[in-house]
Amino acid sequence: MRQLNINTLKKHNQEYFQKGNKEFYGDISYTFLEHNNQKYLLTHTYGWSDMFGQPKKDFYTVKSVNNDLKISSESEIFENNPFA
């Protein structure tokens, strides 16, 4: 597994990374990774975990990234970093 330059991904997905989205969605950090010749966006986030009076809880989402550097709309959710 290797970490890739997140700025390259941001350049190709400006709407996804537009100002305000990180705060709106409760995202903590983004990591662009390649594992077994597949690229992924790993997002450490709070999401909307504190809705309806629930305590704020962090989790991770993983989205695949295609060869054109477009981020998939589908994601998998994990309680812990699946790449750790």
N, C-alpha and C. Protein backbone atom coordinates (compact mmCIF):
# COMPACT_ATOMS: atom_id res chain seq x y z
N MET A 1 0.85 -1.17 0.00
CA MET A 1 0.00 0.00 0.00
C MET A 1 0.89 1.23 0.00
N ARG A 2 0.48 2.22 -0.77
CA ARG A 2 1.24 3.46 -0.75
C ARG A 2 0.28 4.65 -0.77
N GLN A 3 0.74 5.71 -0.15
CA GLN A 3 -0.05 6.93 -0.10
C GLN A 3 0.27 7.77 -1.32
N LEU A 4 -0.77 8.32 -1.95
CA LEU A 4 -0.63 9.15 -3.13
C LEU A 4 -0.89 10.61 -2.78
N ASN A 5 -0.58 11.50 -3.70
CA ASN A 5 -0.73 12.93 -3.46
C ASN A 5 -2.21 13.33 -3.52
N ILE A 6 -2.76 13.73 -2.40
CA ILE A 6 -4.17 14.11 -2.31
C ILE A 6 -4.50 15.31 -3.20
N ASN A 7 -3.52 16.19 -3.44
CA ASN A 7 -3.78 17.36 -4.28
C ASN A 7 -4.09 16.97 -5.72
N THR A 8 -3.51 15.87 -6.19
CA THR A 8 -3.82 15.37 -7.53
C THR A 8 -5.29 14.96 -7.59
N LEU A 9 -5.77 14.27 -6.57
CA LEU A 9 -7.17 13.86 -6.52
C LEU A 9 -8.09 15.08 -6.40
N LYS A 10 -7.70 16.04 -5.61
CA LYS A 10 -8.52 17.25 -5.43
C LYS A 10 -8.67 18.02 -6.74
N LYS A 11 -7.60 18.05 -7.55
CA LYS A 11 -7.64 18.75 -8.84
C LYS A 11 -8.69 18.16 -9.77
N HIS A 12 -8.85 16.84 -9.72
CA HIS A 12 -9.77 16.15 -10.60
C HIS A 12 -11.18 16.02 -10.03
N ASN A 13 -11.38 16.46 -8.79
CA ASN A 13 -12.68 16.35 -8.11
C ASN A 13 -12.97 17.62 -7.33
N GLN A 14 -12.91 18.76 -8.01
CA GLN A 14 -13.05 20.04 -7.33
C GLN A 14 -14.39 20.20 -6.64
N GLU A 15 -15.45 19.68 -7.23
CA GLU A 15 -16.76 19.81 -6.60
C GLU A 15 -16.82 19.00 -5.30
N TYR A 16 -16.26 17.82 -5.31
CA TYR A 16 -16.25 16.96 -4.13
C TYR A 16 -15.51 17.63 -2.97
N PHE A 17 -14.40 18.29 -3.29
CA PHE A 17 -13.57 18.92 -2.27
C PHE A 17 -13.81 20.42 -2.14
N GLN A 18 -14.94 20.93 -2.64
CA GLN A 18 -15.18 22.36 -2.58
C GLN A 18 -15.25 22.86 -1.14
N LYS A 19 -14.92 24.11 -0.97
CA LYS A 19 -14.87 24.72 0.36
C LYS A 19 -16.22 24.56 1.06
N GLY A 20 -16.19 24.17 2.28
CA GLY A 20 -17.40 24.01 3.08
C GLY A 20 -17.88 22.57 3.19
N ASN A 21 -17.55 21.73 2.20
CA ASN A 21 -18.00 20.33 2.26
C ASN A 21 -17.39 19.58 3.44
N LYS A 22 -16.12 19.82 3.71
CA LYS A 22 -15.44 19.12 4.80
C LYS A 22 -16.16 19.40 6.13
N GLU A 23 -16.46 20.64 6.36
CA GLU A 23 -17.15 21.01 7.61
C GLU A 23 -18.59 20.50 7.61
N PHE A 24 -19.29 20.66 6.49
CA PHE A 24 -20.69 20.25 6.40
C PHE A 24 -20.86 18.77 6.69
N TYR A 25 -19.99 17.94 6.13
CA TYR A 25 -20.10 16.49 6.31
C TYR A 25 -19.39 15.98 7.56
N GLY A 26 -18.68 16.85 8.26
CA GLY A 26 -18.00 16.44 9.48
C GLY A 26 -16.72 15.66 9.23
N ASP A 27 -16.13 15.87 8.05
CA ASP A 27 -14.90 15.14 7.71
C ASP A 27 -13.71 15.67 8.50
N ILE A 28 -12.88 14.75 8.94
CA ILE A 28 -11.69 15.09 9.72
C ILE A 28 -10.47 15.16 8.81
N SER A 29 -10.29 14.12 7.97
CA SER A 29 -9.13 14.10 7.07
C SER A 29 -9.40 13.18 5.89
N TYR A 30 -8.62 13.40 4.83
CA TYR A 30 -8.69 12.59 3.61
C TYR A 30 -7.32 11.99 3.34
N THR A 31 -7.30 10.73 2.88
CA THR A 31 -6.06 10.08 2.49
C THR A 31 -6.31 9.38 1.16
N PHE A 32 -5.43 9.62 0.21
CA PHE A 32 -5.50 9.01 -1.12
C PHE A 32 -4.49 7.87 -1.14
N LEU A 33 -4.99 6.64 -1.38
CA LEU A 33 -4.14 5.45 -1.27
C LEU A 33 -4.23 4.58 -2.52
N GLU A 34 -3.18 3.79 -2.73
CA GLU A 34 -3.22 2.74 -3.74
C GLU A 34 -2.88 1.43 -3.04
N HIS A 35 -3.73 0.42 -3.26
CA HIS A 35 -3.54 -0.90 -2.65
C HIS A 35 -3.92 -1.95 -3.68
N ASN A 36 -2.99 -2.86 -3.98
CA ASN A 36 -3.23 -3.91 -4.98
C ASN A 36 -3.69 -3.34 -6.32
N ASN A 37 -3.02 -2.29 -6.78
CA ASN A 37 -3.29 -1.63 -8.06
C ASN A 37 -4.67 -0.97 -8.14
N GLN A 38 -5.32 -0.76 -7.01
CA GLN A 38 -6.59 -0.05 -6.96
C GLN A 38 -6.42 1.19 -6.09
N LYS A 39 -6.98 2.31 -6.55
CA LYS A 39 -6.88 3.56 -5.80
C LYS A 39 -8.14 3.74 -4.95
N TYR A 40 -7.94 4.35 -3.77
CA TYR A 40 -9.03 4.58 -2.82
C TYR A 40 -8.91 5.96 -2.18
N LEU A 41 -10.06 6.52 -1.82
CA LEU A 41 -10.11 7.70 -0.96
C LEU A 41 -10.59 7.21 0.40
N LEU A 42 -9.75 7.38 1.41
CA LEU A 42 -10.09 7.04 2.78
C LEU A 42 -10.45 8.34 3.49
N THR A 43 -11.66 8.42 4.02
CA THR A 43 -12.11 9.61 4.73
C THR A 43 -12.33 9.27 6.20
N HIS A 44 -11.64 9.98 7.07
CA HIS A 44 -11.87 9.89 8.52
C HIS A 44 -12.90 10.96 8.82
N THR A 45 -14.03 10.60 9.38
CA THR A 45 -15.15 11.53 9.49
C THR A 45 -15.98 11.31 10.76
N TYR A 46 -16.74 12.33 11.09
CA TYR A 46 -17.78 12.19 12.10
C TYR A 46 -19.13 11.98 11.42
N GLY A 47 -19.17 12.26 10.11
CA GLY A 47 -20.44 12.17 9.40
C GLY A 47 -21.47 13.00 10.13
N TRP A 48 -22.63 12.48 10.24
CA TRP A 48 -23.66 13.15 11.04
C TRP A 48 -23.98 12.28 12.24
N SER A 49 -22.93 11.73 12.86
CA SER A 49 -23.11 10.78 13.96
C SER A 49 -23.77 11.40 15.19
N ASP A 50 -23.73 12.72 15.32
CA ASP A 50 -24.29 13.36 16.51
C ASP A 50 -25.72 13.85 16.30
N MET A 51 -26.37 13.37 15.25
CA MET A 51 -27.77 13.77 15.03
C MET A 51 -28.66 13.15 16.09
N PHE A 52 -29.76 13.78 16.35
CA PHE A 52 -30.77 13.28 17.27
C PHE A 52 -30.23 13.05 18.67
N GLY A 53 -29.30 13.91 19.10
CA GLY A 53 -28.79 13.86 20.46
C GLY A 53 -27.78 12.77 20.73
N GLN A 54 -27.33 12.09 19.71
CA GLN A 54 -26.33 11.03 19.89
C GLN A 54 -24.95 11.65 20.07
N PRO A 55 -24.05 10.96 20.77
CA PRO A 55 -22.69 11.49 20.92
C PRO A 55 -21.94 11.43 19.58
N LYS A 56 -21.04 12.37 19.39
CA LYS A 56 -20.23 12.42 18.19
C LYS A 56 -19.27 11.23 18.19
N LYS A 57 -19.24 10.47 17.08
CA LYS A 57 -18.40 9.29 16.98
C LYS A 57 -17.71 9.28 15.61
N ASP A 58 -16.42 9.04 15.62
CA ASP A 58 -15.72 9.03 14.34
C ASP A 58 -15.75 7.63 13.72
N PHE A 59 -15.61 7.61 12.38
CA PHE A 59 -15.54 6.37 11.63
C PHE A 59 -14.84 6.66 10.31
N TYR A 60 -14.68 5.64 9.48
CA TYR A 60 -13.97 5.78 8.21
C TYR A 60 -14.86 5.35 7.05
N THR A 61 -14.76 6.05 5.95
CA THR A 61 -15.41 5.62 4.72
C THR A 61 -14.33 5.40 3.67
N VAL A 62 -14.57 4.41 2.81
CA VAL A 62 -13.65 4.10 1.73
C VAL A 62 -14.43 4.14 0.42
N LYS A 63 -13.92 4.93 -0.52
CA LYS A 63 -14.50 5.02 -1.86
C LYS A 63 -13.41 4.68 -2.87
N SER A 64 -13.77 3.91 -3.88
CA SER A 64 -12.79 3.60 -4.92
C SER A 64 -12.64 4.81 -5.83
N VAL A 65 -11.47 4.88 -6.46
CA VAL A 65 -11.14 5.96 -7.38
C VAL A 65 -10.73 5.30 -8.70
N ASN A 66 -11.37 5.69 -9.82
CA ASN A 66 -11.05 5.04 -11.08
C ASN A 66 -9.78 5.61 -11.71
N ASN A 67 -9.41 5.08 -12.86
CA ASN A 67 -8.17 5.49 -13.53
C ASN A 67 -8.19 6.94 -13.99
N ASP A 68 -9.40 7.52 -14.17
CA ASP A 68 -9.53 8.94 -14.52
C ASP A 68 -9.57 9.82 -13.29
N LEU A 69 -9.31 9.22 -12.13
CA LEU A 69 -9.29 9.90 -10.83
C LEU A 69 -10.65 10.45 -10.40
N LYS A 70 -11.71 9.80 -10.85
CA LYS A 70 -13.05 10.15 -10.39
C LYS A 70 -13.40 9.28 -9.19
N ILE A 71 -13.98 9.90 -8.17
CA ILE A 71 -14.33 9.20 -6.93
C ILE A 71 -15.70 8.55 -7.07
N SER A 72 -15.80 7.30 -6.68
CA SER A 72 -17.06 6.57 -6.74
C SER A 72 -18.06 7.19 -5.77
N SER A 73 -19.33 7.10 -6.10
CA SER A 73 -20.37 7.59 -5.19
C SER A 73 -20.69 6.56 -4.12
N GLU A 74 -20.30 5.31 -4.34
CA GLU A 74 -20.54 4.25 -3.36
C GLU A 74 -19.40 4.18 -2.36
N SER A 75 -19.73 3.90 -1.12
CA SER A 75 -18.69 3.82 -0.10
C SER A 75 -18.96 2.67 0.86
N GLU A 76 -17.90 2.24 1.51
CA GLU A 76 -18.00 1.27 2.59
C GLU A 76 -17.64 2.01 3.87
N ILE A 77 -18.27 1.64 4.97
CA ILE A 77 -18.07 2.30 6.26
C ILE A 77 -17.42 1.32 7.23
N PHE A 78 -16.41 1.83 7.96
CA PHE A 78 -15.67 1.02 8.92
C PHE A 78 -15.54 1.78 10.24
N GLU A 79 -15.57 1.06 11.34
CA GLU A 79 -15.36 1.69 12.65
C GLU A 79 -13.91 2.05 12.85
N ASN A 80 -12.99 1.25 12.28
CA ASN A 80 -11.57 1.50 12.40
C ASN A 80 -10.96 1.62 11.01
N ASN A 81 -9.79 2.22 10.93
CA ASN A 81 -9.10 2.39 9.66
C ASN A 81 -8.80 1.01 9.05
N PRO A 82 -9.42 0.67 7.92
CA PRO A 82 -9.20 -0.67 7.34
C PRO A 82 -7.81 -0.85 6.72
N PHE A 83 -7.06 0.23 6.57
CA PHE A 83 -5.74 0.16 5.97
C PHE A 83 -4.62 0.23 7.02
N ALA A 84 -5.01 0.33 8.29
CA ALA A 84 -4.01 0.45 9.37
C ALA A 84 -3.33 -0.88 9.63
